[in-house]
Structures are given as structure tokens and as C-alpha cells.
Protein backbone atom coordinates (compact mmCIF):
# COMPACT_ATOMS: atom_id res chain seq x y z
CA MET A 1 17.17 -15.30 3.07
CA SER A 2 19.42 -12.98 1.11
CA THR A 3 21.93 -10.54 2.56
CA LEU A 4 23.10 -7.43 0.72
CA THR A 5 25.40 -4.60 1.76
CA PHE A 6 24.64 -1.09 0.54
CA ARG A 7 27.72 1.13 0.61
CA PRO A 8 27.82 4.92 1.03
CA ALA A 9 27.10 6.85 -2.18
CA ALA A 10 28.60 10.26 -2.90
CA ALA A 11 25.99 11.01 -5.58
CA LEU A 12 23.07 9.34 -7.31
CA ALA A 13 21.80 10.37 -10.74
CA GLY A 14 19.52 9.07 -13.45
CA SER A 15 15.97 7.97 -14.09
CA VAL A 16 13.98 5.00 -12.82
CA ALA A 17 10.52 3.65 -13.61
CA VAL A 18 9.28 2.10 -10.38
CA PRO A 19 7.02 -0.96 -10.25
CA PRO A 20 3.36 -0.46 -11.11
CA ASP A 21 0.97 0.61 -8.37
CA LYS A 22 0.17 -2.28 -6.06
CA SER A 23 -3.10 -0.80 -4.79
CA LEU A 24 -4.40 -0.27 -8.32
CA THR A 25 -3.26 -3.72 -9.47
CA HIS A 26 -5.12 -5.39 -6.58
CA ARG A 27 -8.28 -3.43 -7.35
CA ALA A 28 -8.10 -3.87 -11.12
CA PHE A 29 -7.93 -7.65 -10.67
CA LEU A 30 -10.72 -7.79 -8.09
CA LEU A 31 -13.09 -5.38 -9.83
CA GLY A 32 -12.29 -7.01 -13.15
CA ALA A 33 -13.54 -10.29 -11.70
CA ILE A 34 -16.99 -8.78 -10.99
CA SER A 35 -17.17 -6.71 -14.16
CA ASP A 36 -19.62 -7.40 -16.98
CA ARG A 37 -16.95 -7.11 -19.66
CA VAL A 38 -13.54 -8.51 -20.49
CA VAL A 39 -10.97 -6.24 -18.81
CA VAL A 40 -7.39 -5.77 -20.00
CA VAL A 41 -4.94 -4.80 -17.26
CA ASP A 42 -1.69 -3.57 -18.80
CA ASN A 43 1.49 -3.13 -16.76
CA PRO A 44 0.28 -4.93 -13.60
CA LEU A 45 2.66 -5.13 -10.66
CA ASP A 46 4.66 -8.35 -10.61
CA SER A 47 4.89 -9.13 -6.89
CA GLU A 48 3.98 -11.82 -4.40
CA ASP A 49 0.99 -9.82 -3.16
CA THR A 50 -0.52 -9.25 -6.59
CA TYR A 51 0.17 -12.86 -7.56
CA ALA A 52 -1.95 -13.85 -4.57
CA THR A 53 -4.77 -11.59 -5.75
CA LEU A 54 -4.71 -12.94 -9.31
CA GLN A 55 -4.74 -16.51 -7.98
CA ALA A 56 -7.71 -15.59 -5.76
CA VAL A 57 -9.57 -14.16 -8.76
CA ARG A 58 -8.86 -17.36 -10.69
CA ALA A 59 -10.10 -19.46 -7.76
CA LEU A 60 -13.31 -17.40 -7.71
CA GLY A 61 -14.05 -18.45 -11.28
CA ALA A 62 -12.98 -15.45 -13.35
CA GLY A 63 -11.28 -16.22 -16.63
CA ILE A 64 -7.59 -15.29 -16.64
CA GLU A 65 -5.18 -14.96 -19.53
CA GLY A 66 -1.61 -14.00 -18.68
CA SER A 67 0.09 -13.60 -15.31
CA VAL A 68 1.64 -10.87 -13.16
CA SER A 69 4.98 -11.65 -14.76
CA ASP A 70 3.54 -10.56 -18.12
CA ASP A 71 2.90 -6.99 -19.21
CA ARG A 72 -0.79 -7.79 -19.70
CA VAL A 73 -3.51 -9.73 -17.88
CA VAL A 74 -6.91 -10.28 -19.48
CA ILE A 75 -9.77 -10.92 -17.05
CA THR A 76 -13.14 -12.30 -18.09
CA GLY A 77 -15.38 -11.13 -15.28
CA ARG A 78 -18.35 -13.08 -13.94
CA GLY A 79 -20.52 -10.11 -13.03
CA ILE A 80 -21.36 -8.55 -9.71
CA ARG A 81 -22.92 -11.73 -8.24
CA GLY A 82 -21.53 -14.44 -10.53
CA LEU A 83 -18.40 -15.64 -8.73
CA THR A 84 -18.06 -19.20 -7.40
CA PRO A 85 -16.48 -19.01 -3.93
CA PRO A 86 -13.95 -21.81 -3.32
CA PRO A 87 -13.45 -23.55 0.06
CA VAL A 88 -10.15 -21.71 0.72
CA ILE A 89 -8.38 -18.63 -0.64
CA ASP A 90 -4.69 -18.29 0.22
CA CYS A 91 -4.04 -14.55 0.60
CA MET A 92 -0.34 -15.19 1.33
CA ASN A 93 0.93 -11.87 2.77
CA ALA A 94 -1.65 -9.61 1.11
CA GLY A 95 -3.76 -7.80 3.70
CA THR A 96 -5.37 -5.69 0.97
CA LEU A 97 -6.56 -8.84 -0.78
CA MET A 98 -8.02 -10.38 2.37
CA ARG A 99 -9.96 -7.29 3.40
CA LEU A 100 -11.28 -6.38 -0.06
CA VAL A 101 -12.18 -9.88 -1.18
CA ALA A 102 -14.16 -10.37 2.04
CA GLY A 103 -16.39 -7.48 0.98
CA ILE A 104 -16.91 -9.11 -2.42
CA LEU A 105 -17.45 -12.63 -1.02
CA VAL A 106 -20.32 -11.70 1.28
CA GLY A 107 -22.39 -10.76 -1.77
CA GLN A 108 -21.86 -14.07 -3.61
CA SER A 109 -23.83 -17.31 -3.47
CA GLY A 110 -22.13 -20.35 -2.04
CA ASP A 111 -21.18 -21.98 1.23
CA VAL A 112 -18.13 -21.05 3.33
CA THR A 113 -14.82 -19.68 2.11
CA VAL A 114 -11.88 -19.54 4.49
CA LEU A 115 -9.46 -16.66 3.93
CA ASP A 116 -6.01 -17.59 5.18
CA GLY A 117 -2.43 -16.41 4.76
CA ASP A 118 1.13 -16.63 5.98
CA ASP A 119 2.25 -16.19 9.58
CA SER A 120 2.52 -12.42 9.18
CA LEU A 121 -1.00 -12.07 7.77
CA ARG A 122 -2.36 -14.36 10.47
CA GLY A 123 -1.32 -11.73 13.01
CA ARG A 124 -3.17 -8.82 11.41
CA PRO A 125 -6.49 -7.52 12.81
CA MET A 126 -9.69 -8.38 10.95
CA ARG A 127 -12.40 -7.29 13.39
CA ARG A 128 -12.33 -3.89 11.70
CA ILE A 129 -13.99 -5.52 8.67
CA VAL A 130 -15.84 -8.26 10.54
CA ASP A 131 -17.89 -5.83 12.65
CA PRO A 132 -19.35 -3.69 9.82
CA LEU A 133 -19.96 -6.72 7.61
CA ARG A 134 -21.82 -8.45 10.43
CA ALA A 135 -23.90 -5.29 10.89
CA MET A 136 -24.87 -5.65 7.23
CA GLY A 137 -26.09 -9.21 7.82
CA ALA A 138 -23.00 -11.16 6.81
CA GLU A 139 -21.62 -14.03 8.86
CA LEU A 140 -17.85 -14.11 9.40
CA GLU A 141 -15.72 -16.03 11.87
CA PRO A 142 -12.18 -14.90 12.69
CA THR A 143 -10.06 -16.48 15.41
CA ASP A 144 -10.73 -15.58 19.03
CA ALA A 145 -8.01 -12.95 18.66
CA GLY A 146 -9.86 -11.37 15.72
CA THR A 147 -7.21 -12.49 13.23
CA PRO A 148 -7.13 -14.87 10.24
CA PRO A 149 -8.01 -17.54 9.28
CA LEU A 150 -11.32 -15.82 8.52
CA ALA A 151 -14.34 -17.96 7.58
CA VAL A 152 -16.77 -16.07 5.34
CA HIS A 153 -20.28 -17.49 4.96
CA THR A 154 -21.61 -16.44 1.58
CA GLY A 155 -25.19 -16.14 0.39
CA ARG A 156 -26.59 -14.14 3.32
CA PRO A 157 -28.93 -11.21 2.52
CA LEU A 158 -27.23 -7.87 3.14
CA VAL A 159 -28.63 -4.48 4.13
CA GLY A 160 -26.98 -1.08 3.93
CA VAL A 161 -25.46 0.55 7.01
CA VAL A 162 -23.75 3.76 8.05
CA HIS A 163 -20.30 2.79 9.31
CA ASP A 164 -18.07 5.17 11.23
CA LEU A 165 -14.41 4.27 10.89
CA PRO A 166 -12.59 4.84 14.19
CA VAL A 167 -9.31 5.02 12.23
CA ALA A 168 -9.09 6.07 8.58
CA SER A 169 -8.42 2.97 6.49
CA ALA A 170 -8.76 2.62 2.73
CA GLN A 171 -8.91 -1.16 3.05
CA VAL A 172 -11.81 -1.15 5.52
CA LYS A 173 -13.64 1.57 3.60
CA SER A 174 -13.22 -0.41 0.38
CA CYS A 175 -14.43 -3.63 2.00
CA VAL A 176 -17.64 -2.00 3.24
CA LEU A 177 -18.33 -0.24 -0.08
CA LEU A 178 -17.78 -3.46 -2.04
CA ALA A 179 -20.21 -5.27 0.25
CA GLY A 180 -22.63 -2.39 -0.25
CA LEU A 181 -22.77 -3.10 -3.99
CA ASN A 182 -24.83 -6.19 -3.11
CA ALA A 183 -26.71 -4.79 -0.09
CA GLU A 184 -30.27 -3.55 -0.03
CA GLY A 185 -30.39 0.24 0.31
CA GLU A 186 -27.63 2.75 0.94
CA THR A 187 -24.28 1.90 2.51
CA TRP A 188 -22.23 4.82 3.86
CA VAL A 189 -18.72 5.11 5.29
CA ARG A 190 -17.60 8.06 7.39
CA GLU A 191 -13.86 8.55 8.01
CA PRO A 192 -12.18 10.75 10.62
CA VAL A 193 -9.80 11.95 7.88
CA LEU A 194 -9.54 11.15 4.18
CA SER A 195 -7.83 7.90 3.28
CA ARG A 196 -6.84 6.67 -0.17
CA ASP A 197 -9.75 6.65 -2.60
CA HIS A 198 -8.52 4.24 -5.28
CA THR A 199 -11.57 2.01 -4.92
CA GLU A 200 -13.98 4.93 -5.27
CA ARG A 201 -12.23 6.23 -8.38
CA MET A 202 -12.17 2.80 -9.99
CA LEU A 203 -15.83 2.12 -9.16
CA GLU A 204 -16.79 5.42 -10.77
CA ALA A 205 -14.68 4.55 -13.82
CA ALA A 206 -16.71 1.30 -13.98
CA GLY A 207 -19.98 3.23 -14.04
CA VAL A 208 -20.99 2.82 -10.39
CA GLU A 209 -22.70 5.90 -8.94
CA LEU A 210 -21.06 6.97 -5.69
CA LEU A 211 -22.98 8.90 -3.06
CA ARG A 212 -21.34 11.75 -1.19
CA ARG A 213 -22.77 13.69 1.75
CA ASP A 214 -21.37 15.46 4.81
CA GLY A 215 -17.89 14.05 4.32
CA MET A 216 -19.20 10.50 3.82
CA VAL A 217 -19.01 8.25 0.76
CA GLY A 218 -21.55 5.60 -0.10
CA VAL A 219 -23.19 3.32 -2.66
CA ARG A 220 -26.80 2.35 -3.30
CA GLY A 221 -27.35 -1.36 -3.83
CA PRO A 222 -27.91 -3.85 -5.05
CA ILE A 223 -26.41 -2.61 -8.31
CA ALA A 224 -27.28 -4.33 -11.59
CA GLY A 225 -23.70 -4.53 -12.80
CA MET A 226 -20.53 -2.64 -13.61
CA SER A 227 -18.20 -2.28 -16.58
CA LEU A 228 -14.57 -1.64 -15.66
CA PRO A 229 -12.56 -0.08 -18.50
CA ASP A 230 -9.16 -1.36 -19.57
CA ILE A 231 -6.42 -0.01 -17.31
CA ARG A 232 -2.71 0.63 -17.72
CA VAL A 233 -1.36 0.70 -14.19
CA PRO A 234 0.91 3.68 -13.37
CA GLY A 235 3.92 3.56 -11.03
CA ASP A 236 3.35 3.01 -7.31
CA PHE A 237 3.97 6.10 -5.19
CA SER A 238 4.98 4.02 -2.17
CA SER A 239 7.71 2.42 -4.28
CA ALA A 240 8.60 5.76 -5.86
CA ALA A 241 9.10 7.17 -2.36
CA TYR A 242 12.39 5.26 -2.03
CA GLY A 243 13.80 6.82 -5.20
CA ILE A 244 12.49 10.20 -4.09
CA VAL A 245 14.19 9.95 -0.70
CA ALA A 246 17.37 8.62 -2.32
CA GLY A 247 17.35 11.76 -4.47
CA VAL A 248 16.75 14.02 -1.47
CA LEU A 249 19.76 12.50 0.28
CA ARG A 250 22.15 12.00 -2.64
CA GLY A 251 20.63 13.29 -5.92
CA ASP A 252 23.33 15.10 -7.95
CA PRO A 253 22.47 16.52 -10.40
CA GLU A 254 19.04 14.85 -10.10
CA VAL A 255 17.04 11.67 -9.71
CA ARG A 256 13.88 11.33 -11.82
CA VAL A 257 11.11 8.84 -11.01
CA THR A 258 8.83 8.44 -14.01
CA GLY A 259 5.13 7.72 -14.53
CA VAL A 260 4.02 7.73 -10.88
CA ASN A 261 0.47 7.62 -9.52
CA LEU A 262 -0.07 10.96 -7.75
CA ASN A 263 -3.41 10.32 -6.06
CA PRO A 264 -3.62 13.02 -3.35
CA GLY A 265 -4.58 10.38 -0.81
CA ARG A 266 -1.14 8.82 -1.33
CA THR A 267 1.29 11.73 -1.64
CA GLY A 268 1.44 13.19 1.86
CA LEU A 269 5.20 12.58 1.84
CA LEU A 270 5.65 15.37 -0.72
CA ALA A 271 4.22 17.96 1.69
CA VAL A 272 6.48 16.70 4.47
CA LEU A 273 9.53 16.87 2.20
CA GLU A 274 8.67 20.46 1.33
CA ARG A 275 8.53 21.34 5.03
CA MET A 276 11.89 19.70 5.57
CA GLY A 277 13.48 21.78 2.82
CA ALA A 278 13.82 19.13 0.08
CA ASP A 279 14.14 20.08 -3.60
CA VAL A 280 11.29 18.14 -5.28
CA ARG A 281 9.45 18.99 -8.52
CA VAL A 282 6.37 17.29 -9.99
CA GLU A 283 5.79 17.21 -13.76
CA ALA A 284 2.15 16.27 -14.48
CA GLN A 285 1.07 13.71 -17.09
CA PRO A 286 -2.42 12.62 -18.29
CA ASP A 287 -4.70 10.91 -15.76
CA VAL A 288 -5.23 7.14 -15.76
CA ALA A 289 -8.77 5.95 -14.85
CA GLY A 290 -9.28 9.08 -12.78
CA GLU A 291 -5.86 8.84 -11.11
CA PRO A 292 -3.44 11.79 -11.56
CA CYS A 293 0.05 10.78 -12.71
CA GLY A 294 3.41 12.40 -13.37
CA ASP A 295 7.21 12.40 -13.08
CA ILE A 296 8.95 13.41 -9.86
CA VAL A 297 12.34 15.13 -10.10
CA VAL A 298 14.53 15.37 -7.00
CA ARG A 299 17.85 17.04 -6.23
CA ARG A 300 20.06 16.70 -3.17
CA ALA A 301 18.81 18.91 -0.38
CA GLY A 302 20.97 21.32 1.56
CA THR A 303 20.30 21.07 5.27
CA LEU A 304 17.10 19.24 6.05
CA GLN A 305 14.96 20.52 8.91
CA GLY A 306 13.24 18.29 11.42
CA THR A 307 9.44 18.24 11.31
CA THR A 308 6.34 16.86 13.01
CA VAL A 309 3.90 14.50 11.31
CA VAL A 310 0.48 14.51 12.99
CA ALA A 311 -2.45 12.10 12.91
CA ASP A 312 -4.35 13.86 10.12
CA GLU A 313 -1.39 13.39 7.76
CA VAL A 314 -0.83 9.71 8.48
CA PRO A 315 -3.42 8.16 6.11
CA SER A 316 -1.86 9.85 3.09
CA MET A 317 1.63 8.56 3.89
CA VAL A 318 1.35 5.62 6.26
CA ASP A 319 3.72 3.45 4.19
CA GLU A 320 6.25 6.28 3.88
CA LEU A 321 6.57 7.04 7.60
CA PRO A 322 9.66 4.83 8.01
CA LEU A 323 11.36 7.03 5.40
CA VAL A 324 10.46 10.12 7.43
CA GLY A 325 12.36 8.49 10.29
CA LEU A 326 15.45 8.08 8.10
CA LEU A 327 15.24 11.66 6.87
CA GLY A 328 14.85 12.83 10.45
CA ALA A 329 18.07 11.04 11.39
CA LEU A 330 19.95 13.41 9.05
CA ALA A 331 17.89 16.56 9.66
CA ALA A 332 18.56 19.43 12.02
CA GLY A 333 16.58 19.14 15.23
CA THR A 334 13.93 16.59 16.09
CA THR A 335 11.47 14.77 13.85
CA THR A 336 8.33 13.38 15.45
CA VAL A 337 5.68 11.04 14.04
CA SER A 338 2.48 10.75 16.07
CA GLY A 339 -1.03 9.42 15.53
CA ALA A 340 0.42 6.42 13.67
CA ALA A 341 -0.64 3.48 15.83
CA GLU A 342 -1.60 1.76 12.55
CA LEU A 343 2.13 1.13 12.04
CA ARG A 344 1.98 -1.40 14.86
CA VAL A 345 -0.15 -3.77 12.75
CA LYS A 346 1.64 -3.68 9.41
CA GLU A 347 3.82 -6.53 8.06
CA SER A 348 5.85 -5.91 11.18
CA ASP A 349 5.37 -3.63 14.17
CA ARG A 350 6.83 -0.75 12.22
CA VAL A 351 7.12 1.54 15.20
CA ALA A 352 9.39 -0.95 16.98
CA THR A 353 11.25 -2.16 13.89
CA VAL A 354 11.91 1.31 12.45
CA VAL A 355 13.32 2.51 15.76
CA ARG A 356 15.42 -0.65 16.10
CA LEU A 357 16.78 -0.25 12.56
CA LEU A 358 17.66 3.42 13.04
CA ARG A 359 19.45 2.65 16.27
CA ALA A 360 21.33 -0.22 14.59
CA VAL A 361 22.81 2.18 12.02
CA GLY A 362 23.86 4.68 14.71
CA ALA A 363 20.92 7.11 14.70
CA THR A 364 19.08 8.35 17.79
CA ALA A 365 15.45 7.22 17.83
CA ASP A 366 12.83 6.43 20.47
CA GLU A 367 9.46 4.68 20.37
CA ARG A 368 6.19 6.32 21.30
CA GLU A 369 2.91 4.46 21.67
CA ASP A 370 1.63 5.87 18.38
CA GLY A 371 4.86 6.72 16.57
CA PHE A 372 8.48 7.65 17.15
CA VAL A 373 10.89 10.52 17.74
CA VAL A 374 14.21 10.87 15.90
CA THR A 375 16.98 13.29 16.82
CA GLY A 376 18.99 14.35 13.80
CA ALA A 377 22.76 14.43 13.33
CA PRO A 378 25.09 15.33 10.44
CA SER A 379 25.78 11.64 9.77
CA PHE A 380 25.48 8.11 11.10
CA PRO A 381 27.98 5.25 10.69
CA GLY A 382 25.83 2.35 9.45
CA GLY A 383 25.87 -1.26 10.62
CA ASP A 384 23.89 -4.50 10.32
CA VAL A 385 20.07 -4.57 10.23
CA GLN A 386 17.30 -7.13 9.93
CA SER A 387 14.31 -6.76 7.62
CA ASP A 388 12.05 -8.72 9.98
CA GLY A 389 10.40 -10.06 6.82
CA ASP A 390 9.03 -6.58 6.06
CA HIS A 391 9.64 -5.31 2.51
CA ARG A 392 9.63 -1.65 3.55
CA LEU A 393 12.17 -2.27 6.31
CA ALA A 394 14.47 -4.04 3.85
CA MET A 395 14.47 -1.03 1.53
CA LEU A 396 14.77 1.40 4.43
CA GLY A 397 17.97 -0.38 5.47
CA ALA A 398 19.28 -0.10 1.93
CA LEU A 399 18.74 3.67 1.81
CA ALA A 400 20.31 3.97 5.25
CA GLY A 401 23.42 2.31 3.82
CA ILE A 402 23.55 4.68 0.84
CA ALA A 403 23.26 7.68 3.21
CA SER A 404 25.64 6.36 5.89
CA THR A 405 29.37 6.86 6.27
CA GLY A 406 30.20 3.15 6.55
CA GLY A 407 27.49 1.18 4.76
CA VAL A 408 24.64 -1.04 5.95
CA THR A 409 24.25 -4.80 5.60
CA VAL A 410 20.60 -5.80 5.26
CA HIS A 411 19.76 -9.35 6.32
CA GLY A 412 16.59 -10.73 4.77
CA PHE A 413 16.70 -8.28 1.90
CA ASP A 414 14.64 -10.66 -0.25
CA ALA A 415 11.57 -9.37 1.61
CA SER A 416 11.71 -6.37 -0.75
CA ALA A 417 10.28 -8.61 -3.50
CA VAL A 418 6.83 -8.27 -1.93
CA SER A 419 6.39 -4.85 -3.52
CA TYR A 420 9.61 -3.87 -5.36
CA PRO A 421 11.52 -6.84 -6.80
CA THR A 422 13.85 -4.62 -8.88
CA PHE A 423 14.74 -2.21 -6.08
CA ALA A 424 18.42 -3.18 -5.79
CA ASP A 425 18.87 -3.03 -9.57
CA ASP A 426 17.23 0.40 -9.71
CA MET A 427 19.45 1.76 -6.95
CA ALA A 428 22.50 0.35 -8.76
CA SER A 429 21.39 2.06 -11.98
CA LEU A 430 21.45 5.38 -10.10
CA GLY A 431 24.99 4.75 -8.92
CA ALA A 432 24.61 2.87 -5.64
CA GLU A 433 27.31 0.33 -4.83
CA ILE A 434 25.89 -2.98 -3.62
CA ALA A 435 27.76 -6.09 -2.50
């Protein structure tokens, strides 16, 4: 494991192009595999998670030219029902891969495919996809705890259902809709609040008719096929959020993050920053496959104000909530995050680990069952923190060091490679001092 120390920064300035969008890269690879045409994916994210997805697509029989370390991957799809499920797919640490590929697998012909992963993924809940897929006629076997390894029996006839999500989840919604492509009749998903809609936008770009009614989204299957267009993947907002927050805390004269995906289901952080008094400007660019994109320009804020994030806002910023905790540590008053129990089942228990990290750097933070409360102060001293193998915690510790008075040493910083391998280099390019 690597250890890096991020020292206090008086000012950060410059422009960064963050890694390509992880959610779109996952979906481009997976939908490319079931497309009726050869699909070119330009600018895919080079990360461990997306590597796992490309390897899964290869194992399923799709033709692959290139790799995630290249600027281009060419996928020869096998059609909506033409994949060849292997005995095992190693999802590594990619929860998105495991949940979405399960929805694709149940519509294929074959025997049994076991979806497995690393120790972190083996602790993540899968009953949220198992239950609706079983209701559609699929046969899946998780562990007794409802976690991976997950055995998926392929070749079972599927029927459409109406599934009510108890908690908004783009991954579960996507899984059910993908299974619905091969189910008889209509498959509907109802969410308590809107989650990310990347899968829906990409399906529509591929020519799939989506059904919408009374706040629900659905598909009518079995579909004959789909034709995904070539895609150039824009920057990932969740990665851009670290440059944005760095600019809020230390941008002088400004920090610019270029070419970012601005899907409204992903950008809830921008509304929270506005409430807190941050100076953030969005410059729109042309859409990519139905996804709005643009540059984000940020200047150092004056005095930030504490705020409250409620349950309805969580789906649009679930990965950015740790950053809200850091901002709250330097804001006037109290910052509260609630309705975010989903944080407990991320790569780490992010309620516990965020609070532990903030306390380790000298901030005042307390856990709640479904979130946390942070009491702001003019500054905090810094210290030593652990990433707990969580990429977002590693980068949170780095920003805490840049904003501290004494610096922060992040142990296990290599976890950041899961989503943002060039993070340290990008922060250094803006003026951060790293040892």
C-alpha cells in the first residue's frame, strides 16, 4: 500500500481534465456486448473497475479490440441474446458490473455463471437485485447473507414485472430494465426519488423504446435487437467533484474542470455548493449520447455556510457526500447529511469511515444511523488517516490535507486508482504539494 502526504496549499489554480465517466464506460462496454453492430468506445475510463467490466464482456464472447489503457476500445457485439455465459465472471471490486451483468445474464442461454469479486464486493448486498429477478422467473443464488458469490442460472423464461424500489438505486433499476429487454411483456421500475438515468439514456440512444408512466420507467420485451452508437466518454462528475471542492476551498484565481458529464441525476453537489455559498460556474458544451456536458469553473469561496442534505437529494450525489462532510468541517454552523443509509454499503461503511477520517484530521463529526453531522470551524490541523481500501476516502484525505493547517498523511492512497489513477498528479498540477 502506498502512503502520501498532502501539505497545506495557499492557492490552487489551473485546469484539469478528469478521468472519463466510470458509469458510462461500464454501460458502453456492457451494452456494446449485446448490440447488433460494432461499437467504438473512445476515451474509456482506465481503472480497475472498468478493466473488470471489459474482461467480463470478453468472457461473455464479445469481440474486443483495444483495452482500457488505450484511448479506444472496439466491441463486436453478439446481439441481445447471443452471449455465451462462462462458468465464472470475476467482478473484482465493481458493484456496478455485478448488478448490471446479472440483468443481462438472466436473458442468455447457458448453464450457471457465478459472479464473484474481491473481499469488499463479497460484503455488498445483492438481494436487492435477486428479489426482482426471481419475480421475473430467473433463478439466482447468493450466499445466506444475500451477498456474493452470486450464482446466476441462465436460460430461464422471463416475464415482465412492476418493481417498486424501496431505495432509489440506478444499479438496481438498470439491472431490472436490462432483464426486461428479454422478458415477455412490460417491465416497470418505480423509484421513490429519481436516481441516475445513464442506462435509460444509453438504451434510447441504441434505439430501444422506453416506457414512461406515473413516474415509472419501463421496457417492453422481448426486444428484437439494439444498435448502440459509437460513444466518446465525457469526464466523470464524481471524479470532477474533487477538483470542484479543491477549487471551492483553495481556488485562486480559479480551478477549471473540463469536459464533465452533467447528467442532472449526478450533479446534486452543485446545488448544495450553491446553498453553502460557493462560487461555481457551469459552461455548457454539446451533449454526448443524450448526456449533457460542460466545463465547471470554481473560485475560492468566502465563508461557507453549513447546510442540510436530505434523503431526496442523496441519489443525485451519493458518491459526493463525503466531500460535503469535509466542506462542513470548514463551514459556519452545522452540516447534516441524512437519509443516506446507502453509504453504509459502499466500498466501505462510508458513514463510519468519513466520520473517523474527519475526526483524525481534527474536525468535529458524529455518526447518525443514516448519515452524519459535522460542526464547522475556521480550520483543522490535519493528521494521519487510513483509506480503508476505499478510493473516495483516499481522495477525501488528500483534500483534507490541502485544506488543513498541518497536512494529512494518507495511508493506502493507492486505493484511489479504482476510479481516479491520476488524482495526485492532477492535484500537483494545480499547485498542491505532495510528499
